[in-house]
Amino acid sequence: MIIVILWLIFGAICYLLAEKKGRDKRIGFLAGILFGVFALIYYLLVSEPGKICPFCKEKIKKDATVCPHCQRELDVIRK
């Protein structure tokens, strides 16, 4: 019974972390149930998905319209 509860707890935590980091929530829940603490560690370490600025080559958020590093507009870039 405790194992089932732990599976559900890891699934719920990974679900929430996946949602916060912009990843697929269902896969987060499934990974938490299947891999437990390993999935939890993965979701704690993984960064938010982003894109690379075509001008300065720095990593930026995927929804950014202006690069925070070089201050150039990214409206023409659609990835």
C-alpha atoms as a PDB file:
ATOM      1  CA  MET A   1       0.000   0.000   0.000  1.00  0.00           C
ATOM      2  CA  ILE A   2       2.834   2.410   0.811  1.00  0.00           C
ATOM      3  CA  ILE A   3       4.437   1.724  -2.580  1.00  0.00           C
ATOM      4  CA  VAL A   4       1.240   2.705  -4.395  1.00  0.00           C
ATOM      5  CA  ILE A   5       1.027   5.923  -2.383  1.00  0.00           C
ATOM      6  CA  LEU A   6       4.681   6.723  -3.156  1.00  0.00           C
ATOM      7  CA  TRP A   7       4.071   6.086  -6.879  1.00  0.00           C
ATOM      8  CA  LEU A   8       1.173   8.522  -6.832  1.00  0.00           C
ATOM      9  CA  ILE A   9       3.166  11.121  -4.881  1.00  0.00           C
ATOM     10  CA  PHE A  10       6.096  10.942  -7.310  1.00  0.00           C
ATOM     11  CA  GLY A  11       3.653  11.117 -10.221  1.00  0.00           C
ATOM     12  CA  ALA A  12       1.932  14.191  -8.791  1.00  0.00           C
ATOM     13  CA  ILE A  13       5.203  15.988  -8.016  1.00  0.00           C
ATOM     14  CA  CYS A  14       6.618  15.263 -11.473  1.00  0.00           C
ATOM     15  CA  TYR A  15       3.308  16.391 -13.007  1.00  0.00           C
ATOM     16  CA  LEU A  16       3.560  19.744 -11.219  1.00  0.00           C
ATOM     17  CA  LEU A  17       7.236  20.206 -12.071  1.00  0.00           C
ATOM     18  CA  ALA A  18       6.598  19.376 -15.735  1.00  0.00           C
ATOM     19  CA  GLU A  19       3.754  21.883 -15.845  1.00  0.00           C
ATOM     20  CA  LYS A  20       5.912  24.587 -14.246  1.00  0.00           C
ATOM     21  CA  LYS A  21       8.777  24.013 -16.681  1.00  0.00           C
ATOM     22  CA  GLY A  22       6.609  23.959 -19.806  1.00  0.00           C
ATOM     23  CA  ARG A  23       6.886  20.238 -20.461  1.00  0.00           C
ATOM     24  CA  ASP A  24       4.126  17.696 -21.176  1.00  0.00           C
ATOM     25  CA  LYS A  25       2.301  17.119 -17.884  1.00  0.00           C
ATOM     26  CA  ARG A  26       1.037  13.654 -18.766  1.00  0.00           C
ATOM     27  CA  ILE A  27       4.536  12.426 -19.526  1.00  0.00           C
ATOM     28  CA  GLY A  28       5.716  13.965 -16.256  1.00  0.00           C
ATOM     29  CA  PHE A  29       3.052  12.060 -14.322  1.00  0.00           C
ATOM     30  CA  LEU A  30       3.807   8.816 -16.141  1.00  0.00           C
ATOM     31  CA  ALA A  31       7.567   9.216 -15.641  1.00  0.00           C
ATOM     32  CA  GLY A  32       7.011   9.903 -11.937  1.00  0.00           C
ATOM     33  CA  ILE A  33       5.014   6.713 -11.547  1.00  0.00           C
ATOM     34  CA  LEU A  34       7.378   4.557 -13.595  1.00  0.00           C
ATOM     35  CA  PHE A  35      10.753   5.917 -12.507  1.00  0.00           C
ATOM     36  CA  GLY A  36       9.979   7.492  -9.128  1.00  0.00           C
ATOM     37  CA  VAL A  37      12.888   9.361  -7.594  1.00  0.00           C
ATOM     38  CA  PHE A  38      14.873   9.291 -10.862  1.00  0.00           C
ATOM     39  CA  ALA A  39      12.112  11.164 -12.701  1.00  0.00           C
ATOM     40  CA  LEU A  40      11.902  13.610  -9.808  1.00  0.00           C
ATOM     41  CA  ILE A  41      15.633  14.324 -10.055  1.00  0.00           C
ATOM     42  CA  TYR A  42      15.325  14.754 -13.821  1.00  0.00           C
ATOM     43  CA  TYR A  43      12.489  17.281 -13.534  1.00  0.00           C
ATOM     44  CA  LEU A  44      14.343  19.176 -10.832  1.00  0.00           C
ATOM     45  CA  LEU A  45      17.459  19.474 -13.008  1.00  0.00           C
ATOM     46  CA  VAL A  46      15.918  20.040 -16.448  1.00  0.00           C
ATOM     47  CA  SER A  47      15.600  23.648 -17.585  1.00  0.00           C
ATOM     48  CA  GLU A  48      12.716  25.319 -19.289  1.00  0.00           C
ATOM     49  CA  PRO A  49      12.571  24.849 -23.043  1.00  0.00           C
ATOM     50  CA  GLY A  50      13.885  27.823 -24.932  1.00  0.00           C
ATOM     51  CA  LYS A  51      15.421  28.939 -28.166  1.00  0.00           C
ATOM     52  CA  ILE A  52      18.678  30.511 -29.283  1.00  0.00           C
ATOM     53  CA  CYS A  53      18.840  34.166 -30.298  1.00  0.00           C
ATOM     54  CA  PRO A  54      19.933  34.280 -33.948  1.00  0.00           C
ATOM     55  CA  PHE A  55      21.935  37.465 -33.324  1.00  0.00           C
ATOM     56  CA  CYS A  56      23.933  36.848 -30.126  1.00  0.00           C
ATOM     57  CA  LYS A  57      23.478  33.033 -29.870  1.00  0.00           C
ATOM     58  CA  GLU A  58      22.391  33.180 -26.203  1.00  0.00           C
ATOM     59  CA  LYS A  59      19.597  30.983 -24.833  1.00  0.00           C
ATOM     60  CA  ILE A  60      16.330  32.841 -24.334  1.00  0.00           C
ATOM     61  CA  LYS A  61      12.770  31.919 -23.393  1.00  0.00           C
ATOM     62  CA  LYS A  62      10.753  30.414 -26.222  1.00  0.00           C
ATOM     63  CA  ASP A  63       8.076  33.145 -26.093  1.00  0.00           C
ATOM     64  CA  ALA A  64      10.518  36.076 -26.027  1.00  0.00           C
ATOM     65  CA  THR A  65       9.974  38.844 -28.549  1.00  0.00           C
ATOM     66  CA  VAL A  66      13.086  40.818 -27.543  1.00  0.00           C
ATOM     67  CA  CYS A  67      16.400  39.212 -26.629  1.00  0.00           C
ATOM     68  CA  PRO A  68      17.322  40.169 -23.034  1.00  0.00           C
ATOM     69  CA  HIS A  69      21.025  39.950 -23.922  1.00  0.00           C
ATOM     70  CA  CYS A  70      21.401  41.954 -27.139  1.00  0.00           C
ATOM     71  CA  GLN A  71      18.027  43.813 -27.011  1.00  0.00           C
ATOM     72  CA  ARG A  72      17.146  42.932 -30.611  1.00  0.00           C
ATOM     73  CA  GLU A  73      13.576  42.241 -31.711  1.00  0.00           C
ATOM     74  CA  LEU A  74      12.751  38.618 -32.542  1.00  0.00           C
ATOM     75  CA  ASP A  75       9.358  39.080 -34.231  1.00  0.00           C
ATOM     76  CA  VAL A  76      10.577  37.693 -37.546  1.00  0.00           C
ATOM     77  CA  ILE A  77      11.889  34.494 -35.946  1.00  0.00           C
ATOM     78  CA  ARG A  78       9.159  31.838 -35.560  1.00  0.00           C
ATOM     79  CA  LYS A  79      10.358  28.580 -34.041  1.00  0.00           C
END
